[in-house]
């Protein structure tokens, strides 16, 4: 704290005397503000507990996870792509509640959970990887990009709202 105060007093006296700050002081100020800016702007992809809780509560009407990690889709009127997205999101979030449930899913697990042929799953996964919705964890295993979860849940809620509002 003393260094901040002394730096502040140096800046104040330099400004009052109309003398330019020496290069070392300018660098220290710039570096300090850049570090603060970096902390605000560069974020980790990790989700905090509050956000995870919110996401899980919002997808509960659409799916559940079995104890062995299989995704159970509760809404039957979703297209295959939406089901795959939902399964990836659900599995990723389930890992926050139970570390025994892996964050990623293989094409086979997706096929079994969603009762969709594996070739269709492979096609949807290719599309999701290209659109940066999913990322490979390792060969044959995919996980949702955490930065895409909020957008997908909003999309899912919008689809559901439209379908429930039909006369």
N, C-alpha and C. Protein backbone atom coordinates (compact mmCIF):
# COMPACT_ATOMS: atom_id res chain seq x y z
N UNK A 1 0.83 -1.19 0.00
CA UNK A 1 0.00 0.00 0.00
C UNK A 1 0.87 1.25 0.00
N UNK A 2 2.02 1.19 0.74
CA UNK A 2 2.90 2.35 0.78
C UNK A 2 3.42 2.71 -0.60
N UNK A 3 3.75 1.67 -1.40
CA UNK A 3 4.28 1.95 -2.74
C UNK A 3 3.23 2.62 -3.61
N UNK A 4 1.96 2.26 -3.43
CA UNK A 4 0.89 2.90 -4.19
C UNK A 4 0.76 4.36 -3.76
N UNK A 5 0.83 4.60 -2.44
CA UNK A 5 0.75 5.96 -1.94
C UNK A 5 1.94 6.79 -2.41
N UNK A 6 3.15 6.21 -2.35
CA UNK A 6 4.33 6.96 -2.78
C UNK A 6 4.27 7.21 -4.29
N UNK A 7 3.79 6.25 -5.04
CA UNK A 7 3.64 6.43 -6.48
C UNK A 7 2.61 7.52 -6.75
N UNK A 8 1.55 7.50 -5.99
CA UNK A 8 0.51 8.51 -6.14
C UNK A 8 1.04 9.90 -5.82
N UNK A 9 1.83 10.01 -4.74
CA UNK A 9 2.37 11.31 -4.38
C UNK A 9 3.39 11.78 -5.42
N UNK A 10 4.17 10.86 -5.99
CA UNK A 10 5.11 11.22 -7.06
C UNK A 10 4.35 11.76 -8.27
N UNK A 11 3.27 11.10 -8.62
CA UNK A 11 2.46 11.55 -9.75
C UNK A 11 1.86 12.92 -9.48
N UNK A 12 1.33 13.09 -8.28
CA UNK A 12 0.72 14.37 -7.93
C UNK A 12 1.73 15.49 -7.98
N UNK A 13 2.94 15.26 -7.42
CA UNK A 13 3.95 16.32 -7.42
C UNK A 13 4.45 16.60 -8.83
N UNK A 14 4.55 15.56 -9.68
CA UNK A 14 4.99 15.77 -11.06
C UNK A 14 3.94 16.57 -11.83
N UNK A 15 2.68 16.28 -11.58
CA UNK A 15 1.61 17.01 -12.26
C UNK A 15 1.58 18.47 -11.78
N UNK A 16 1.74 18.66 -10.47
CA UNK A 16 1.72 20.02 -9.91
C UNK A 16 2.88 20.86 -10.43
N UNK A 17 4.04 20.23 -10.61
CA UNK A 17 5.21 20.99 -11.07
C UNK A 17 5.29 21.04 -12.59
N UNK A 18 4.34 20.44 -13.27
CA UNK A 18 4.31 20.39 -14.74
C UNK A 18 5.52 19.70 -15.34
N UNK A 19 6.21 18.87 -14.56
CA UNK A 19 7.35 18.11 -15.07
C UNK A 19 6.85 16.76 -15.55
N UNK A 20 7.43 16.21 -16.61
CA UNK A 20 7.01 14.89 -17.07
C UNK A 20 7.44 13.80 -16.08
N UNK A 21 6.62 12.77 -15.98
CA UNK A 21 6.96 11.63 -15.12
C UNK A 21 8.15 10.90 -15.73
N UNK A 22 9.02 10.37 -14.87
CA UNK A 22 10.13 9.62 -15.45
C UNK A 22 9.61 8.31 -16.04
N UNK A 23 10.36 7.75 -16.92
CA UNK A 23 9.93 6.57 -17.69
C UNK A 23 9.59 5.39 -16.79
N UNK A 24 10.34 5.19 -15.73
CA UNK A 24 10.10 4.06 -14.83
C UNK A 24 8.73 4.20 -14.15
N UNK A 25 8.39 5.40 -13.73
CA UNK A 25 7.10 5.64 -13.08
C UNK A 25 5.98 5.43 -14.10
N UNK A 26 6.15 5.94 -15.31
CA UNK A 26 5.14 5.76 -16.36
C UNK A 26 4.92 4.28 -16.63
N UNK A 27 6.01 3.52 -16.70
CA UNK A 27 5.90 2.08 -16.95
C UNK A 27 5.16 1.40 -15.81
N UNK A 28 5.47 1.76 -14.56
CA UNK A 28 4.82 1.15 -13.40
C UNK A 28 3.32 1.42 -13.41
N UNK A 29 2.94 2.65 -13.74
CA UNK A 29 1.52 3.01 -13.81
C UNK A 29 0.84 2.21 -14.91
N UNK A 30 1.45 2.17 -16.08
CA UNK A 30 0.89 1.45 -17.21
C UNK A 30 0.76 -0.03 -16.90
N UNK A 31 1.82 -0.62 -16.32
CA UNK A 31 1.79 -2.04 -16.00
C UNK A 31 0.70 -2.35 -14.98
N UNK A 32 0.54 -1.49 -13.99
CA UNK A 32 -0.49 -1.69 -12.97
C UNK A 32 -1.88 -1.62 -13.56
N UNK A 33 -2.12 -0.65 -14.41
CA UNK A 33 -3.45 -0.52 -15.01
C UNK A 33 -3.70 -1.64 -16.01
N UNK A 34 -2.66 -2.09 -16.70
CA UNK A 34 -2.81 -3.20 -17.64
C UNK A 34 -3.15 -4.49 -16.89
N UNK A 35 -2.52 -4.69 -15.74
CA UNK A 35 -2.81 -5.88 -14.94
C UNK A 35 -4.26 -5.86 -14.46
N UNK A 36 -4.74 -4.71 -14.02
CA UNK A 36 -6.13 -4.57 -13.59
C UNK A 36 -7.07 -4.84 -14.75
N UNK A 37 -6.75 -4.28 -15.90
CA UNK A 37 -7.57 -4.48 -17.09
C UNK A 37 -7.57 -5.95 -17.49
N UNK A 38 -6.42 -6.59 -17.41
CA UNK A 38 -6.31 -8.01 -17.75
C UNK A 38 -7.20 -8.85 -16.84
N UNK A 39 -7.20 -8.56 -15.54
CA UNK A 39 -8.03 -9.31 -14.59
C UNK A 39 -9.52 -9.19 -14.92
N UNK A 40 -9.91 -8.01 -15.40
CA UNK A 40 -11.31 -7.78 -15.73
C UNK A 40 -11.70 -8.42 -17.07
N UNK A 41 -10.78 -8.39 -18.03
CA UNK A 41 -11.11 -8.76 -19.40
C UNK A 41 -10.84 -10.22 -19.74
N UNK A 42 -9.72 -10.76 -19.29
CA UNK A 42 -9.35 -12.15 -19.60
C UNK A 42 -9.96 -13.03 -18.51
N UNK A 43 -10.90 -13.87 -18.92
CA UNK A 43 -11.60 -14.71 -17.95
C UNK A 43 -11.32 -16.18 -18.23
N UNK A 44 -11.44 -16.98 -17.21
CA UNK A 44 -11.32 -18.41 -17.37
C UNK A 44 -12.66 -18.95 -17.86
N UNK A 45 -12.63 -20.08 -18.51
CA UNK A 45 -13.86 -20.68 -19.01
C UNK A 45 -14.64 -21.40 -17.91
N UNK A 46 -14.14 -21.37 -16.72
CA UNK A 46 -14.80 -22.07 -15.64
C UNK A 46 -16.07 -21.33 -15.24
N UNK A 47 -17.03 -22.09 -14.76
CA UNK A 47 -18.29 -21.52 -14.31
C UNK A 47 -18.30 -21.46 -12.79
N UNK A 48 -18.91 -20.41 -12.26
CA UNK A 48 -19.03 -20.33 -10.82
C UNK A 48 -20.27 -21.09 -10.37
N UNK A 49 -20.33 -21.37 -9.08
CA UNK A 49 -21.41 -22.19 -8.53
C UNK A 49 -22.79 -21.57 -8.77
N UNK A 50 -22.89 -20.27 -8.67
CA UNK A 50 -24.16 -19.58 -8.87
C UNK A 50 -24.67 -19.78 -10.30
N UNK A 51 -23.78 -19.65 -11.26
CA UNK A 51 -24.18 -19.81 -12.66
C UNK A 51 -24.55 -21.26 -12.96
N UNK A 52 -23.78 -22.21 -12.42
CA UNK A 52 -24.08 -23.63 -12.63
C UNK A 52 -25.45 -23.96 -12.07
N UNK A 53 -25.74 -23.48 -10.88
CA UNK A 53 -27.05 -23.71 -10.26
C UNK A 53 -28.16 -23.15 -11.14
N UNK A 54 -27.97 -21.95 -11.64
CA UNK A 54 -28.96 -21.32 -12.51
C UNK A 54 -29.17 -22.16 -13.77
N UNK A 55 -28.10 -22.60 -14.39
CA UNK A 55 -28.20 -23.40 -15.61
C UNK A 55 -28.94 -24.71 -15.36
N UNK A 56 -28.59 -25.38 -14.28
CA UNK A 56 -29.22 -26.67 -13.98
C UNK A 56 -30.72 -26.49 -13.74
N UNK A 57 -31.08 -25.47 -12.98
CA UNK A 57 -32.51 -25.22 -12.72
C UNK A 57 -33.26 -24.94 -14.02
N UNK A 58 -32.61 -24.27 -14.96
CA UNK A 58 -33.27 -23.92 -16.21
C UNK A 58 -33.40 -25.09 -17.17
N UNK A 59 -32.51 -26.08 -17.10
CA UNK A 59 -32.63 -27.23 -18.01
C UNK A 59 -33.38 -28.40 -17.39
N UNK A 60 -33.68 -28.33 -16.11
CA UNK A 60 -34.42 -29.42 -15.44
C UNK A 60 -35.73 -29.80 -16.13
N UNK A 61 -36.52 -28.86 -16.65
CA UNK A 61 -37.75 -29.28 -17.33
C UNK A 61 -37.49 -30.07 -18.61
N UNK A 62 -36.29 -30.03 -19.12
CA UNK A 62 -35.98 -30.65 -20.41
C UNK A 62 -35.25 -31.99 -20.30
N UNK A 63 -34.52 -32.19 -19.21
CA UNK A 63 -33.76 -33.45 -19.10
C UNK A 63 -33.34 -33.73 -17.66
N UNK A 64 -32.89 -34.95 -17.47
CA UNK A 64 -32.33 -35.42 -16.20
C UNK A 64 -31.10 -36.24 -16.53
N UNK A 65 -30.31 -36.58 -15.53
CA UNK A 65 -29.12 -37.43 -15.71
C UNK A 65 -29.27 -38.63 -14.78
N UNK A 66 -29.06 -39.82 -15.33
CA UNK A 66 -29.10 -41.02 -14.48
C UNK A 66 -27.79 -41.08 -13.68
N UNK A 67 -27.79 -41.90 -12.65
CA UNK A 67 -26.60 -42.01 -11.79
C UNK A 67 -25.37 -42.49 -12.56
N UNK A 68 -25.61 -43.23 -13.65
CA UNK A 68 -24.47 -43.70 -14.45
C UNK A 68 -24.08 -42.69 -15.55
N UNK A 69 -24.71 -41.51 -15.53
CA UNK A 69 -24.32 -40.45 -16.44
C UNK A 69 -25.06 -40.39 -17.76
N UNK A 70 -26.04 -41.25 -17.95
CA UNK A 70 -26.81 -41.21 -19.19
C UNK A 70 -27.82 -40.06 -19.11
N UNK A 71 -28.01 -39.41 -20.23
CA UNK A 71 -28.93 -38.26 -20.29
C UNK A 71 -30.32 -38.76 -20.66
N UNK A 72 -31.30 -38.29 -19.91
CA UNK A 72 -32.69 -38.66 -20.14
C UNK A 72 -33.43 -37.40 -20.58
N UNK A 73 -33.78 -37.36 -21.85
CA UNK A 73 -34.48 -36.19 -22.40
C UNK A 73 -35.95 -36.28 -22.03
N UNK A 74 -36.46 -35.25 -21.38
CA UNK A 74 -37.85 -35.21 -20.94
C UNK A 74 -38.76 -34.60 -22.00
N UNK A 75 -38.21 -33.78 -22.87
CA UNK A 75 -38.97 -33.11 -23.92
C UNK A 75 -38.75 -33.88 -25.21
N UNK A 76 -39.79 -34.44 -25.75
CA UNK A 76 -39.66 -35.31 -26.92
C UNK A 76 -39.76 -34.57 -28.25
N UNK A 77 -40.09 -33.29 -28.24
CA UNK A 77 -40.29 -32.58 -29.50
C UNK A 77 -39.08 -31.77 -29.95
N UNK A 78 -37.91 -32.08 -29.44
CA UNK A 78 -36.69 -31.40 -29.87
C UNK A 78 -36.08 -32.08 -31.08
N UNK A 79 -35.49 -31.28 -31.96
CA UNK A 79 -34.78 -31.85 -33.11
C UNK A 79 -33.51 -32.53 -32.61
N UNK A 80 -32.95 -33.39 -33.44
CA UNK A 80 -31.76 -34.15 -33.05
C UNK A 80 -30.61 -33.24 -32.62
N UNK A 81 -30.37 -32.17 -33.37
CA UNK A 81 -29.29 -31.25 -33.02
C UNK A 81 -29.51 -30.64 -31.64
N UNK A 82 -30.72 -30.25 -31.33
CA UNK A 82 -31.03 -29.68 -30.02
C UNK A 82 -30.88 -30.72 -28.91
N UNK A 83 -31.26 -31.96 -29.20
CA UNK A 83 -31.09 -33.03 -28.22
C UNK A 83 -29.61 -33.27 -27.92
N UNK A 84 -28.80 -33.27 -28.96
CA UNK A 84 -27.36 -33.49 -28.76
C UNK A 84 -26.78 -32.35 -27.93
N UNK A 85 -27.15 -31.12 -28.26
CA UNK A 85 -26.68 -29.96 -27.50
C UNK A 85 -27.10 -30.09 -26.03
N UNK A 86 -28.37 -30.42 -25.82
CA UNK A 86 -28.89 -30.55 -24.47
C UNK A 86 -28.14 -31.64 -23.69
N UNK A 87 -27.89 -32.76 -24.35
CA UNK A 87 -27.18 -33.85 -23.69
C UNK A 87 -25.77 -33.42 -23.28
N UNK A 88 -25.08 -32.72 -24.17
CA UNK A 88 -23.72 -32.25 -23.86
C UNK A 88 -23.72 -31.25 -22.70
N UNK A 89 -24.69 -30.34 -22.71
CA UNK A 89 -24.80 -29.35 -21.63
C UNK A 89 -25.12 -30.05 -20.31
N UNK A 90 -26.10 -30.95 -20.34
CA UNK A 90 -26.52 -31.64 -19.12
C UNK A 90 -25.37 -32.46 -18.52
N UNK A 91 -24.67 -33.17 -19.35
CA UNK A 91 -23.56 -34.01 -18.88
C UNK A 91 -22.46 -33.14 -18.28
N UNK A 92 -22.15 -32.03 -18.94
CA UNK A 92 -21.12 -31.11 -18.44
C UNK A 92 -21.51 -30.56 -17.06
N UNK A 93 -22.77 -30.13 -16.93
CA UNK A 93 -23.23 -29.56 -15.66
C UNK A 93 -23.34 -30.62 -14.56
N UNK A 94 -23.69 -31.84 -14.94
CA UNK A 94 -23.81 -32.93 -13.96
C UNK A 94 -22.48 -33.19 -13.26
N UNK A 95 -21.40 -32.97 -13.98
CA UNK A 95 -20.07 -33.17 -13.39
C UNK A 95 -19.83 -32.24 -12.21
N UNK A 96 -20.45 -31.07 -12.19
CA UNK A 96 -20.31 -30.16 -11.06
C UNK A 96 -20.99 -30.71 -9.81
N UNK A 97 -22.02 -31.53 -10.01
CA UNK A 97 -22.74 -32.12 -8.88
C UNK A 97 -22.16 -33.45 -8.45
N UNK A 98 -21.61 -34.19 -9.41
CA UNK A 98 -21.05 -35.52 -9.14
C UNK A 98 -19.82 -35.72 -10.02
N UNK A 99 -18.66 -35.67 -9.41
CA UNK A 99 -17.40 -35.78 -10.16
C UNK A 99 -17.22 -37.15 -10.81
N UNK A 100 -18.05 -38.14 -10.43
CA UNK A 100 -17.98 -39.46 -11.06
C UNK A 100 -18.61 -39.45 -12.45
N UNK A 101 -19.39 -38.41 -12.75
CA UNK A 101 -20.00 -38.28 -14.07
C UNK A 101 -19.06 -37.45 -14.93
N UNK A 102 -18.52 -38.03 -16.00
CA UNK A 102 -17.58 -37.29 -16.85
C UNK A 102 -18.26 -36.11 -17.55
N UNK A 103 -17.47 -35.10 -17.88
CA UNK A 103 -18.01 -33.92 -18.55
C UNK A 103 -18.34 -34.19 -20.02
N UNK A 104 -17.60 -35.09 -20.64
CA UNK A 104 -17.77 -35.34 -22.07
C UNK A 104 -18.60 -36.58 -22.35
N UNK A 105 -18.98 -36.70 -23.63
CA UNK A 105 -19.74 -37.86 -24.09
C UNK A 105 -19.18 -38.34 -25.42
N UNK A 106 -19.22 -39.64 -25.60
CA UNK A 106 -18.81 -40.22 -26.89
C UNK A 106 -20.04 -40.28 -27.80
N UNK A 107 -19.80 -40.53 -29.07
CA UNK A 107 -20.92 -40.69 -30.01
C UNK A 107 -21.82 -41.85 -29.59
N UNK A 108 -21.20 -42.93 -29.10
CA UNK A 108 -21.97 -44.09 -28.65
C UNK A 108 -22.87 -43.76 -27.47
N UNK A 109 -22.34 -43.02 -26.50
CA UNK A 109 -23.15 -42.62 -25.35
C UNK A 109 -24.30 -41.71 -25.78
N UNK A 110 -24.01 -40.78 -26.67
CA UNK A 110 -25.05 -39.89 -27.18
C UNK A 110 -26.12 -40.70 -27.92
N UNK A 111 -25.68 -41.65 -28.74
CA UNK A 111 -26.60 -42.49 -29.49
C UNK A 111 -27.50 -43.28 -28.54
N UNK A 112 -26.91 -43.88 -27.51
CA UNK A 112 -27.69 -44.67 -26.54
C UNK A 112 -28.64 -43.79 -25.73
N UNK A 113 -28.16 -42.65 -25.28
CA UNK A 113 -28.99 -41.75 -24.47
C UNK A 113 -30.16 -41.20 -25.26
N UNK A 114 -29.91 -40.83 -26.51
CA UNK A 114 -30.93 -40.14 -27.30
C UNK A 114 -31.72 -41.05 -28.22
N UNK A 115 -31.29 -42.32 -28.30
CA UNK A 115 -31.93 -43.29 -29.19
C UNK A 115 -31.92 -42.78 -30.64
N UNK A 116 -30.74 -42.31 -31.04
CA UNK A 116 -30.52 -41.77 -32.38
C UNK A 116 -29.36 -42.56 -32.98
N UNK A 117 -29.45 -42.96 -34.25
CA UNK A 117 -28.35 -43.72 -34.86
C UNK A 117 -27.01 -42.98 -34.77
N UNK A 118 -25.96 -43.75 -34.58
CA UNK A 118 -24.63 -43.18 -34.35
C UNK A 118 -24.14 -42.34 -35.54
N UNK A 119 -24.53 -42.71 -36.77
CA UNK A 119 -24.09 -41.91 -37.92
C UNK A 119 -24.71 -40.51 -37.89
N UNK A 120 -25.94 -40.41 -37.40
CA UNK A 120 -26.57 -39.09 -37.25
C UNK A 120 -25.89 -38.27 -36.15
N UNK A 121 -25.51 -38.96 -35.08
CA UNK A 121 -24.78 -38.29 -33.99
C UNK A 121 -23.46 -37.75 -34.52
N UNK A 122 -22.74 -38.56 -35.29
CA UNK A 122 -21.44 -38.14 -35.84
C UNK A 122 -21.61 -36.90 -36.72
N UNK A 123 -22.65 -36.86 -37.52
CA UNK A 123 -22.91 -35.70 -38.39
C UNK A 123 -23.22 -34.46 -37.55
N UNK A 124 -24.05 -34.61 -36.51
CA UNK A 124 -24.38 -33.47 -35.65
C UNK A 124 -23.15 -32.99 -34.87
N UNK A 125 -22.30 -33.93 -34.43
CA UNK A 125 -21.09 -33.56 -33.68
C UNK A 125 -20.12 -32.80 -34.57
N UNK A 126 -20.01 -33.20 -35.82
CA UNK A 126 -19.14 -32.48 -36.76
C UNK A 126 -19.61 -31.03 -36.87
N UNK A 127 -20.90 -30.87 -37.02
CA UNK A 127 -21.50 -29.53 -37.11
C UNK A 127 -21.25 -28.72 -35.83
N UNK A 128 -21.41 -29.35 -34.68
CA UNK A 128 -21.23 -28.66 -33.40
C UNK A 128 -19.77 -28.27 -33.16
N UNK A 129 -18.86 -29.11 -33.59
CA UNK A 129 -17.43 -28.77 -33.46
C UNK A 129 -17.08 -27.60 -34.38
N UNK A 130 -17.60 -27.63 -35.61
CA UNK A 130 -17.34 -26.54 -36.56
C UNK A 130 -17.89 -25.22 -36.05
N UNK A 131 -19.02 -25.25 -35.36
CA UNK A 131 -19.64 -24.04 -34.82
C UNK A 131 -19.13 -23.67 -33.43
N UNK A 132 -18.14 -24.41 -32.95
CA UNK A 132 -17.51 -24.17 -31.64
C UNK A 132 -18.44 -24.37 -30.45
N UNK A 133 -19.53 -25.12 -30.68
CA UNK A 133 -20.41 -25.44 -29.55
C UNK A 133 -19.80 -26.56 -28.72
N UNK A 134 -19.14 -27.49 -29.40
CA UNK A 134 -18.51 -28.62 -28.73
C UNK A 134 -17.02 -28.63 -29.04
N UNK A 135 -16.26 -29.16 -28.10
CA UNK A 135 -14.83 -29.30 -28.29
C UNK A 135 -14.43 -30.74 -27.99
N UNK A 136 -13.42 -31.23 -28.68
CA UNK A 136 -12.97 -32.59 -28.36
C UNK A 136 -12.20 -32.61 -27.05
N UNK A 137 -12.53 -33.56 -26.20
CA UNK A 137 -11.79 -33.74 -24.94
C UNK A 137 -10.60 -34.65 -25.22
N UNK A 138 -10.87 -35.71 -25.91
CA UNK A 138 -9.86 -36.62 -26.44
C UNK A 138 -10.52 -37.36 -27.60
N UNK A 139 -9.78 -38.19 -28.26
CA UNK A 139 -10.33 -38.86 -29.44
C UNK A 139 -11.64 -39.57 -29.11
N UNK A 140 -12.70 -39.19 -29.83
CA UNK A 140 -14.01 -39.84 -29.66
C UNK A 140 -14.84 -39.31 -28.50
N UNK A 141 -14.35 -38.31 -27.79
CA UNK A 141 -15.07 -37.77 -26.63
C UNK A 141 -15.24 -36.27 -26.80
N UNK A 142 -16.48 -35.80 -26.66
CA UNK A 142 -16.81 -34.39 -26.89
C UNK A 142 -17.39 -33.76 -25.63
N UNK A 143 -17.17 -32.46 -25.52
CA UNK A 143 -17.70 -31.72 -24.38
C UNK A 143 -18.21 -30.37 -24.88
N UNK A 144 -19.22 -29.83 -24.22
CA UNK A 144 -19.75 -28.53 -24.60
C UNK A 144 -18.70 -27.46 -24.30
N UNK A 145 -18.68 -26.43 -25.13
CA UNK A 145 -17.87 -25.24 -24.85
C UNK A 145 -18.64 -24.46 -23.79
N UNK A 146 -18.09 -24.28 -22.58
CA UNK A 146 -18.84 -23.62 -21.51
C UNK A 146 -19.36 -22.23 -21.87
N UNK A 147 -18.68 -21.57 -22.78
CA UNK A 147 -19.10 -20.23 -23.18
C UNK A 147 -20.37 -20.25 -24.05
N UNK A 148 -20.79 -21.42 -24.48
CA UNK A 148 -21.98 -21.54 -25.33
C UNK A 148 -23.23 -21.95 -24.55
N UNK A 149 -23.08 -22.28 -23.29
CA UNK A 149 -24.20 -22.82 -22.51
C UNK A 149 -25.35 -21.83 -22.38
N UNK A 150 -25.06 -20.62 -21.97
CA UNK A 150 -26.12 -19.62 -21.76
C UNK A 150 -26.92 -19.40 -23.04
N UNK A 151 -26.24 -19.22 -24.15
CA UNK A 151 -26.92 -18.98 -25.42
C UNK A 151 -27.84 -20.16 -25.78
N UNK A 152 -27.35 -21.38 -25.56
CA UNK A 152 -28.18 -22.54 -25.88
C UNK A 152 -29.41 -22.62 -24.99
N UNK A 153 -29.26 -22.36 -23.70
CA UNK A 153 -30.40 -22.44 -22.79
C UNK A 153 -31.45 -21.40 -23.16
N UNK A 154 -31.01 -20.22 -23.54
CA UNK A 154 -31.95 -19.18 -23.99
C UNK A 154 -32.70 -19.67 -25.24
N UNK A 155 -31.96 -20.28 -26.16
CA UNK A 155 -32.57 -20.85 -27.37
C UNK A 155 -33.59 -21.93 -27.01
N UNK A 156 -33.22 -22.81 -26.11
CA UNK A 156 -34.09 -23.90 -25.67
C UNK A 156 -35.37 -23.34 -25.02
N UNK A 157 -35.21 -22.37 -24.15
CA UNK A 157 -36.36 -21.76 -23.48
C UNK A 157 -37.27 -21.06 -24.49
N UNK A 158 -36.68 -20.44 -25.48
CA UNK A 158 -37.45 -19.76 -26.52
C UNK A 158 -38.27 -20.76 -27.34
N UNK A 159 -37.67 -21.86 -27.72
CA UNK A 159 -38.37 -22.91 -28.47
C UNK A 159 -39.53 -23.45 -27.64
N UNK A 160 -39.25 -23.72 -26.38
CA UNK A 160 -40.28 -24.27 -25.50
C UNK A 160 -41.44 -23.28 -25.32
N UNK A 161 -41.10 -22.01 -25.15
CA UNK A 161 -42.13 -20.98 -24.97
C UNK A 161 -43.03 -20.89 -26.20
N UNK A 162 -42.42 -20.91 -27.39
CA UNK A 162 -43.20 -20.84 -28.62
C UNK A 162 -44.15 -22.02 -28.75
N UNK A 163 -43.67 -23.21 -28.37
CA UNK A 163 -44.48 -24.42 -28.50
C UNK A 163 -45.61 -24.46 -27.49
N UNK A 164 -45.38 -23.90 -26.30
CA UNK A 164 -46.43 -23.92 -25.29
C UNK A 164 -47.46 -22.81 -25.49
N UNK A 165 -47.10 -21.78 -26.26
CA UNK A 165 -48.03 -20.69 -26.52
C UNK A 165 -48.97 -20.95 -27.70
N UNK A 166 -48.72 -22.01 -28.46
CA UNK A 166 -49.58 -22.31 -29.63
C UNK A 166 -51.00 -22.61 -29.14
N UNK A 167 -52.02 -22.07 -29.88
CA UNK A 167 -53.43 -22.30 -29.46
C UNK A 167 -53.87 -23.73 -29.69
